[in-house]
Protein backbone atom coordinates (compact mmCIF):
# COMPACT_ATOMS: atom_id res chain seq x y z
CA MET A 1 -44.66 159.26 141.37
CA ILE A 2 -45.72 158.28 137.83
CA ALA A 3 -42.19 156.99 137.13
CA ASP A 4 -42.43 154.65 140.12
CA VAL A 5 -45.79 153.35 138.90
CA ILE A 6 -44.42 152.64 135.41
CA ALA A 7 -41.38 150.94 136.97
CA VAL A 8 -43.73 148.62 138.86
CA VAL A 9 -45.62 147.91 135.63
CA LEU A 10 -42.33 147.03 133.92
CA LEU A 11 -41.41 144.67 136.76
CA LEU A 12 -44.82 142.98 136.60
CA ALA A 13 -44.42 142.53 132.84
CA VAL A 14 -41.07 140.83 133.43
CA ALA A 15 -42.67 138.59 136.07
CA ALA A 16 -45.55 137.71 133.73
CA TYR A 17 -43.14 136.74 130.95
CA ALA A 18 -40.97 134.75 133.36
CA CYS A 19 -44.00 132.71 134.43
CA ALA A 20 -45.92 132.37 131.16
CA GLY A 21 -43.01 132.22 128.72
CA GLY A 22 -40.94 130.30 131.25
CA THR A 23 -43.43 127.44 131.19
CA ASP A 24 -42.90 127.02 127.46
CA TYR A 25 -39.12 127.24 127.75
CA GLY A 26 -39.35 124.55 130.41
CA ALA A 27 -41.30 122.32 128.06
CA GLY A 28 -38.49 122.77 125.54
CA PHE A 29 -35.95 121.79 128.20
CA TRP A 30 -37.77 118.52 128.87
CA ASP A 31 -38.07 117.95 125.14
CA LEU A 32 -34.28 118.21 124.92
CA THR A 33 -33.72 115.76 127.79
CA ALA A 34 -36.47 113.28 126.87
CA GLY A 35 -34.07 110.86 125.19
CA GLY A 36 -34.03 109.19 121.79
CA ALA A 37 -36.85 108.92 119.30
CA ARG A 38 -38.43 105.85 120.91
CA ARG A 39 -37.81 106.71 124.56
CA GLY A 40 -38.83 110.34 124.19
CA ALA A 41 -41.87 109.79 121.96
CA ARG A 42 -44.45 109.95 124.75
CA PRO A 43 -43.11 113.08 126.54
CA ARG A 44 -42.70 114.88 123.21
CA TRP A 45 -46.24 113.91 122.21
CA LEU A 46 -47.54 115.58 125.38
CA ILE A 47 -45.33 118.65 124.89
CA ASP A 48 -46.64 119.12 121.36
CA HIS A 49 -50.26 118.87 122.47
CA ALA A 50 -49.86 121.00 125.58
CA MET A 51 -47.93 123.87 123.97
CA ALA A 52 -49.56 124.21 120.57
CA PRO A 53 -52.77 126.10 121.50
CA VAL A 54 -51.37 128.99 123.57
CA TRP A 55 -47.58 129.13 123.53
CA GLU A 56 -47.24 132.04 121.09
CA VAL A 57 -49.40 134.36 123.22
CA ASN A 58 -46.81 134.32 126.00
CA ASN A 59 -44.48 136.52 123.93
CA VAL A 60 -47.03 139.33 124.37
CA TRP A 61 -45.50 139.99 127.78
CA LEU A 62 -41.97 140.22 126.34
CA VAL A 63 -43.04 142.75 123.72
CA PHE A 64 -45.04 144.66 126.32
CA GLY A 65 -42.02 144.83 128.64
CA PHE A 66 -39.72 146.11 125.90
CA VAL A 67 -42.24 148.79 124.88
CA ILE A 68 -42.58 149.97 128.49
CA MET A 69 -38.79 150.06 128.88
CA TRP A 70 -38.30 151.92 125.62
CA THR A 71 -40.97 154.57 126.17
CA GLY A 72 -40.84 154.89 129.95
CA PHE A 73 -37.11 154.50 130.63
CA PRO A 74 -35.17 155.26 127.43
CA THR A 75 -31.83 155.64 129.27
CA LEU A 76 -32.23 152.15 130.72
CA PHE A 77 -33.17 150.78 127.29
CA GLN A 78 -30.15 152.39 125.63
CA THR A 79 -27.78 151.27 128.38
CA VAL A 80 -28.93 147.65 128.44
CA PHE A 81 -29.02 147.19 124.68
CA SER A 82 -25.67 148.93 124.19
CA ALA A 83 -23.77 147.10 126.91
CA MET A 84 -25.34 143.67 126.38
CA TRP A 85 -26.39 143.58 122.76
CA LEU A 86 -24.71 140.21 122.19
CA PRO A 87 -26.64 138.09 124.75
CA LEU A 88 -29.86 139.89 123.86
CA ALA A 89 -29.25 139.29 120.15
CA LEU A 90 -28.56 135.62 120.85
CA ALA A 91 -31.77 135.43 122.89
CA ALA A 92 -33.70 137.01 120.00
CA ILE A 93 -32.20 134.55 117.53
CA GLY A 94 -33.14 131.76 119.92
CA LEU A 95 -36.73 132.98 120.01
CA VAL A 96 -36.96 132.87 116.22
CA LEU A 97 -35.27 129.49 115.87
CA ARG A 98 -37.35 128.07 118.68
CA GLY A 99 -40.60 129.05 117.01
CA ALA A 100 -39.45 127.81 113.63
CA GLY A 101 -38.24 124.50 115.05
CA PHE A 102 -41.50 123.87 116.90
CA ALA A 103 -43.65 124.74 113.89
CA LEU A 104 -41.64 122.80 111.29
CA ARG A 105 -40.85 119.60 113.12
CA LYS A 106 -44.43 118.28 113.12
CA PRO A 107 -45.51 118.49 109.45
CA LEU A 108 -42.31 116.92 108.12
CA ARG A 109 -42.56 113.26 107.12
CA ARG A 110 -38.88 112.43 107.15
CA ILE A 111 -37.50 111.42 110.52
CA ALA A 112 -34.19 113.23 109.87
CA GLY A 113 -36.02 116.52 109.31
CA ARG A 114 -38.11 116.10 112.44
CA ARG A 115 -35.01 115.39 114.49
CA LEU A 116 -33.22 118.42 113.09
CA TYR A 117 -36.01 120.89 113.78
CA GLY A 118 -36.79 119.23 117.10
CA ALA A 119 -33.18 119.74 118.15
CA VAL A 120 -33.32 123.39 117.06
CA PHE A 121 -36.47 123.91 119.14
CA ALA A 122 -35.06 122.18 122.22
CA ILE A 123 -31.60 123.79 122.20
CA ALA A 124 -33.06 127.27 121.61
CA SER A 125 -35.39 126.66 124.58
CA LEU A 126 -32.27 126.16 126.71
CA LEU A 127 -30.12 129.01 125.42
CA THR A 128 -32.75 131.77 125.22
CA PRO A 129 -33.61 131.86 128.96
CA PHE A 130 -29.92 131.60 129.80
CA PHE A 131 -29.00 134.70 127.82
CA LEU A 132 -32.02 136.63 129.10
CA GLY A 133 -31.06 135.68 132.65
CA ALA A 134 -27.45 136.65 132.01
CA ALA A 135 -28.59 140.10 130.88
CA VAL A 136 -30.65 140.47 134.05
CA GLY A 137 -27.57 139.48 136.04
CA GLY A 138 -25.59 142.23 134.32
CA ILE A 139 -28.21 144.73 135.46
CA ALA A 140 -28.41 143.37 139.00
CA SER A 141 -24.64 143.44 139.46
CA GLY A 142 -24.48 147.06 138.29
CA ARG A 143 -22.06 146.35 135.45
CA ALA A 144 -24.21 147.80 132.66
CA VAL A 145 -23.85 151.44 133.73
CA PRO A 146 -24.85 154.32 131.41
CA GLY A 147 -22.12 154.92 128.85
CA THR A 148 -20.76 151.38 129.06
CA GLU A 149 -19.63 149.96 125.74
CA ALA A 150 -20.46 146.42 124.73
CA SER A 151 -18.28 144.05 126.70
CA ALA A 152 -18.38 140.46 127.87
CA HIS A 153 -17.66 141.82 131.34
CA ALA A 154 -21.23 143.15 131.48
CA TRP A 155 -22.84 139.72 131.17
CA ALA A 156 -20.12 137.06 131.56
CA ASN A 157 -19.61 137.41 135.30
CA PRO A 158 -20.53 135.27 138.33
CA THR A 159 -23.91 136.95 138.95
CA SER A 160 -24.90 136.83 135.28
CA ILE A 161 -23.94 133.19 134.87
CA LEU A 162 -25.86 132.20 137.99
CA PHE A 163 -28.89 134.23 136.90
CA GLY A 164 -28.74 132.47 133.53
CA LEU A 165 -28.58 129.05 135.19
CA ILE A 166 -31.41 129.79 137.60
CA ALA A 167 -33.51 131.00 134.65
CA ILE A 168 -33.05 127.59 133.01
CA VAL A 169 -33.87 125.69 136.20
CA ALA A 170 -36.88 127.90 136.99
CA THR A 171 -38.32 127.37 133.52
CA ALA A 172 -37.71 123.62 133.78
CA PHE A 173 -39.52 123.64 137.12
CA LEU A 174 -42.54 125.49 135.71
CA GLY A 175 -42.62 123.32 132.61
CA ALA A 176 -42.57 120.07 134.61
CA VAL A 177 -45.35 121.21 136.96
CA PHE A 178 -47.61 122.33 134.11
CA LEU A 179 -46.90 119.25 132.01
CA ALA A 180 -47.78 116.99 134.94
CA GLY A 181 -51.18 118.68 135.07
CA ASP A 182 -51.58 118.41 131.30
CA ALA A 183 -50.72 114.71 131.44
CA ALA A 184 -53.58 114.17 133.88
CA ARG A 185 -55.91 116.17 131.64
CA TYR A 186 -54.94 114.12 128.58
CA GLY A 187 -55.39 110.84 130.44
CA ALA A 188 -51.71 109.81 130.47
CA PRO A 189 -51.01 108.57 134.04
CA ASP A 190 -47.52 107.36 133.13
CA LEU A 191 -46.55 110.91 132.15
CA VAL A 192 -48.06 112.38 135.31
CA GLY A 193 -45.48 110.53 137.39
CA TYR A 194 -42.77 111.19 134.80
CA PHE A 195 -43.12 114.97 135.01
CA ARG A 196 -43.93 115.02 138.72
CA ARG A 197 -40.55 113.45 139.50
CA ARG A 198 -38.82 116.02 137.30
CA ALA A 199 -40.69 118.84 138.98
CA LEU A 200 -39.54 117.63 142.41
CA GLY A 201 -35.94 117.42 141.20
CA SER A 202 -36.21 120.90 139.71
CA VAL A 203 -37.50 122.49 142.91
CA VAL A 204 -34.54 121.03 144.81
CA ALA A 205 -32.10 122.35 142.19
CA LEU A 206 -33.85 125.71 142.32
CA ALA A 207 -33.40 125.93 146.10
CA VAL A 208 -29.70 125.04 145.83
CA LEU A 209 -29.07 127.64 143.12
CA ALA A 210 -30.97 130.30 145.09
CA ALA A 211 -28.69 129.69 148.09
CA VAL A 212 -25.61 129.93 145.87
CA ILE A 213 -26.86 133.20 144.35
CA LEU A 214 -27.36 134.74 147.79
CA THR A 215 -23.79 133.76 148.64
CA VAL A 216 -22.24 135.09 145.42
CA THR A 217 -24.21 138.35 145.26
CA ARG A 218 -22.98 139.33 148.71
CA SER A 219 -19.65 140.27 147.17
CA ASP A 220 -20.50 140.55 143.48
CA ALA A 221 -23.79 142.50 143.74
CA PRO A 222 -23.89 143.90 147.29
CA HIS A 223 -26.80 146.29 146.76
CA VAL A 224 -29.08 143.55 145.49
CA TRP A 225 -27.87 141.15 148.19
CA HIS A 226 -28.77 143.70 150.88
CA GLY A 227 -32.20 144.19 149.32
CA LEU A 228 -32.84 140.44 149.19
CA THR A 229 -31.92 139.96 152.84
CA HIS A 230 -33.80 142.94 154.29
CA GLY A 231 -37.26 144.47 154.19
CA VAL A 232 -39.67 143.79 151.33
CA GLY A 233 -37.11 141.82 149.35
CA LEU A 234 -36.58 139.41 152.23
CA GLY A 235 -40.34 138.99 152.64
CA LEU A 236 -40.68 138.06 148.97
CA VAL A 237 -37.75 135.64 149.20
CA ILE A 238 -39.49 133.96 152.13
CA LEU A 239 -42.73 133.86 150.12
CA ALA A 240 -40.88 132.17 147.25
CA GLY A 241 -39.50 129.62 149.71
CA VAL A 242 -42.95 128.92 151.15
CA CYS A 243 -44.38 128.47 147.65
CA SER A 244 -41.52 126.07 146.84
CA LEU A 245 -42.31 123.96 149.90
CA ALA A 246 -46.03 124.04 149.08
CA THR A 247 -45.36 122.92 145.51
CA GLY A 248 -43.15 120.07 146.67
CA TRP A 249 -45.74 118.99 149.23
CA LEU A 250 -48.56 119.02 146.67
CA LEU A 251 -46.45 117.02 144.22
CA LEU A 252 -45.59 114.46 146.89
CA LEU A 253 -49.31 114.13 147.58
CA ARG A 254 -49.68 113.35 143.86
CA ARG A 255 -51.75 116.44 143.20
CA SER A 256 -51.62 117.54 139.58
CA GLY A 257 -54.45 120.03 139.38
CA VAL A 258 -54.61 123.80 139.67
CA TRP A 259 -52.91 124.34 143.02
CA PRO A 260 -49.43 123.03 142.12
CA ARG A 261 -49.49 125.41 139.17
CA VAL A 262 -50.53 128.32 141.38
CA THR A 263 -47.75 127.69 143.89
CA ALA A 264 -45.18 127.10 141.13
CA VAL A 265 -46.07 130.43 139.53
CA GLY A 266 -45.85 131.96 143.01
CA VAL A 267 -42.25 130.76 143.31
CA VAL A 268 -41.07 132.39 140.10
CA ALA A 269 -43.20 135.54 140.37
CA SER A 270 -42.06 136.15 143.96
CA ALA A 271 -38.41 135.69 142.99
CA VAL A 272 -38.64 138.15 140.08
CA ILE A 273 -40.47 140.77 142.13
CA ALA A 274 -37.98 140.26 144.97
CA TRP A 275 -35.16 141.13 142.55
CA GLY A 276 -36.99 144.32 141.54
CA ALA A 277 -37.68 145.27 145.14
CA ALA A 278 -34.05 144.61 146.06
CA GLN A 279 -32.86 147.16 143.49
CA ARG A 280 -34.93 150.05 144.84
CA PRO A 281 -34.58 152.95 144.14
CA TYR A 282 -32.33 151.96 141.24
CA LEU A 283 -33.01 150.68 137.77
CA ILE A 284 -29.31 149.80 137.60
CA PRO A 285 -27.58 149.58 140.99
CA THR A 286 -26.05 151.95 141.95
CA SER A 287 -25.74 154.23 138.93
CA LEU A 288 -29.24 154.89 137.57
CA THR A 289 -32.27 155.59 139.76
CA VAL A 290 -35.87 155.34 138.63
CA ALA A 291 -36.17 159.14 138.62
CA GLU A 292 -32.94 159.60 136.63
CA GLY A 293 -33.85 156.98 134.03
CA ALA A 294 -37.47 158.07 133.55
CA GLY A 295 -38.57 159.64 130.29
CA ASP A 296 -40.56 162.80 129.74
CA PRO A 297 -43.50 163.15 132.20
CA GLY A 298 -45.92 163.49 129.29
CA SER A 299 -44.64 160.25 127.76
CA LEU A 300 -44.95 158.52 131.11
CA ARG A 301 -48.57 159.62 131.49
CA TRP A 302 -49.46 158.37 128.00
CA THR A 303 -47.59 155.13 128.72
CA GLY A 304 -49.64 154.68 131.87
CA LEU A 305 -52.89 155.33 130.00
CA VAL A 306 -52.03 152.92 127.18
CA THR A 307 -50.98 150.33 129.75
CA LEU A 308 -54.34 150.64 131.50
CA VAL A 309 -56.19 150.18 128.21
CA ALA A 310 -53.99 147.21 127.31
CA VAL A 311 -54.62 145.55 130.67
CA VAL A 312 -58.38 146.00 130.30
CA LEU A 313 -58.40 144.58 126.77
CA VAL A 314 -55.63 141.99 126.80
CA CYS A 315 -55.75 140.39 130.25
CA PRO A 316 -59.37 139.13 130.02
CA ALA A 317 -58.66 137.79 126.52
CA VAL A 318 -55.54 135.94 127.70
CA ALA A 319 -57.39 134.58 130.74
CA PHE A 320 -60.20 133.35 128.50
CA LEU A 321 -57.68 131.72 126.17
CA TYR A 322 -56.11 129.83 129.08
CA TRP A 323 -59.57 128.80 130.28
CA LEU A 324 -60.41 127.42 126.84
CA ASP A 325 -57.13 125.53 126.74
CA THR A 326 -57.45 123.98 130.21
CA HIS A 327 -61.03 122.91 129.44
CA GLY A 328 -60.04 121.15 126.22
CA GLU A 329 -61.81 123.58 123.90
CA LEU A 330 -58.78 124.21 121.70
CA GLU A 331 -58.06 120.68 120.54
CA PRO A 332 -57.13 120.60 116.82
CA LEU A 333 -59.52 118.87 114.46
CA SER A 334 -58.48 115.40 113.41
CA ASP A 335 -58.92 113.97 109.93
CA THR A 336 -61.98 112.13 111.21
CA ASP A 337 -63.49 115.37 112.52
CA LEU A 338 -62.87 117.09 109.20
CA ARG A 339 -64.52 114.28 107.29
CA ARG A 340 -67.52 114.50 109.58
CA THR A 341 -67.94 118.19 108.79
CA GLU A 342 -67.92 117.63 105.01
CA PRO A 343 -71.40 117.65 103.46
CA ALA A 344 -72.64 114.34 102.18
CA ARG A 345 -72.21 114.21 98.41
CA ASP A 346 -75.37 112.22 97.87
CA ASP A 347 -77.52 114.52 100.01
CA PRO A 348 -78.59 117.60 97.97
CA THR A 349 -79.97 119.35 101.08
CA GLU A 350 -76.47 119.53 102.50
CA LEU A 351 -75.15 121.35 99.45
CA ASN A 352 -77.70 124.17 99.40
């Protein structure tokens, strides 16, 4: 019973990272496709302002998921990182380069340096979700079985490639929806329409790729295909479809507030949880069940307790951080603001 609970926690952590981290990857995708320095100046300006306050906190969910996998399901952790160390290593390198590129491109004065680090940030934002999605595809297709040695076969297969592509499109979709809302908040009506159009295009691409995945997995990952077309998995797939339609409808109505974000998150979260439900009772279809991959019962109980404490402490803090961001409380101080806070040199009362 406790193993099933921890497995659900792991799945929810993956869904949280897909939604929160996916939004930032999507912003990087639109940074990459914004065009040249002059044409892409306005979208990149918004991306810089929208991402800077909170983007690093989204990696909390990635670390949390890896810790849960390592302590709760060590056999799964060993299998995945042994069979697919290359895509996961490339994803990790992408995470580092992405952060470095985003941090270093703004303070540089030379245009060449800004372009270099901007390109590093944007390309890493494209490759990292692809390799993470490819690894998930290797799990879903049952190729990363316990004892499997590292091989391209585990992650360079039809299901993995499609999972990698849908990860890119899903992050682009989330990024466009959130950036459209941020554009309205920052008073940039031209960018509201700019990102709304891209969000609508992304939701169409997402629907097409989802249909292709259902077709391919029927022969390449039959267990997952059966789970996605029956029972709870089917219900979640339908929920994802309804959320997609709702998001498209809200965008067509030119709504850029909270609700398009809620429905967009519903699309991605429902899809991730549908994948987890489709694999039941397996961690890796059809070779490793939840019970077989679970760690020591004592470790699982401590993992559950630590998870509960983390949820109580971390979730309210993250929610408060997002609230501060959406209410404009995290805007960086400008040079004018800093000068205003300096004490007047000719006023001795300000120096005491």
